[in-house]
Amino acid sequence: MKLRLVGNRNAGEPPATVVHGSPDADIVVLVDAAHASMVNAVLAPVQWIPPARVITVLGPGVRLDVPGTAQVVRVGDLGTHLRSARTLLGCGEYTGIGTVAWSWARKAGADTFVSQHGALTPHAPPLPRDSTLLAWSEADGEFWRSGRSDVHHLEVGSQLLWAASEAALDVARPGADTEPITYLGQGHAAEISRARLVEAAIRFCRAHDATYRPHPSEKDKLSLVAHAGLRRAGIRFDTSGAPLATWDRPVVSVFSTGILEMASRGVDAWVDFPRPPAWLGEFWERYGMSRFGGVPTQAPPRPGVEPAQQIARILLEAAA
């Protein structure tokens, strides 16, 4: 049974959707957004868990193909539909529905797990207290914990990068090293000023005749103004709409997770940014990202067990 949560507008409650496998389900999976990184981090493990044991909560506006029949309920009543649940998996409590779910988990005494869904910068939101982080690597786990004693971490790897490696190119394509470079835009990022990001994009695209590919989140007014400036500067835009997972041309970016995705698929990928701040240099080093002009970024190590399967195993053990 699938339950759709609707908010009370007067109370400001966020709408969401709950998918019930069974009234006795003991594992809650929280999906804040429908983009690939989130789906790989929290929804992919569901395939390894018996359906009757899972309740899936979809964030506002999220539309995903998940089993179950929808029923409308109010956010404030969420706890009554999770009465048998004892374990929560999500990406954190920094969203509206995340706050609701983690508040329920604390009151219920549920075990909570945060699944890392992207590369970590100093702007990553704090981990919920008393949670266990399911990290891409030991280095990421230590970085996000930041010395806290109330949170713990387990290294499971990245399902996003595992999926990318499954689609790796079988052989090197003739002429790949002479193909035009695609610049992966990150104008939506908060870590670096938009002015510097635009300046870096213009400089690189002009110097290397690269094509600018806007990030899917570059849809706000400031991003559109920045795009107009790039076009006035003579920068070509990729308007194909092709998913990044199907891209096979060399790419460059500032600190996009897409660099690791491309490297995992065997596509040449680099990072570039003039006068990088200290944190960015640490970021590049932590993920093994190669600066443009050197050898391409190497594919990240592939774990022995598929991360989604490993996460499912951890949840099942916690709920036992």
Foldseek 3Di string as FASTA:
>chain_A
DKEWADEDVVVPAFTKIKFALALQAAEEFEQAADDPLSCLQTVLLVVQPPSNNYMYIGGPPHDDDDDHDYHYHHLVCVLVSNVNYQEYEHQALPDRSSVSVVVSNVVNVHAYEHGDRFQDFPPPDQHPFQHEYADQDPVVQCVRCVPDPRYHYDDQHGLLLVVLLVQADPDDDPPLVVDAEEEEQDCVDPPDDNVQSLVQVLVVCVVRVHAYEYDPPLPDPVSVVSVVVSVVSVHHYDPPPDDLSPDAHEYEYAQGRSLLSCLSNVHFYAYDGPPDDPRSVVSCVVQQGHHPPDGGRHHPDDDPDNSSNVVSVVRVVSSD
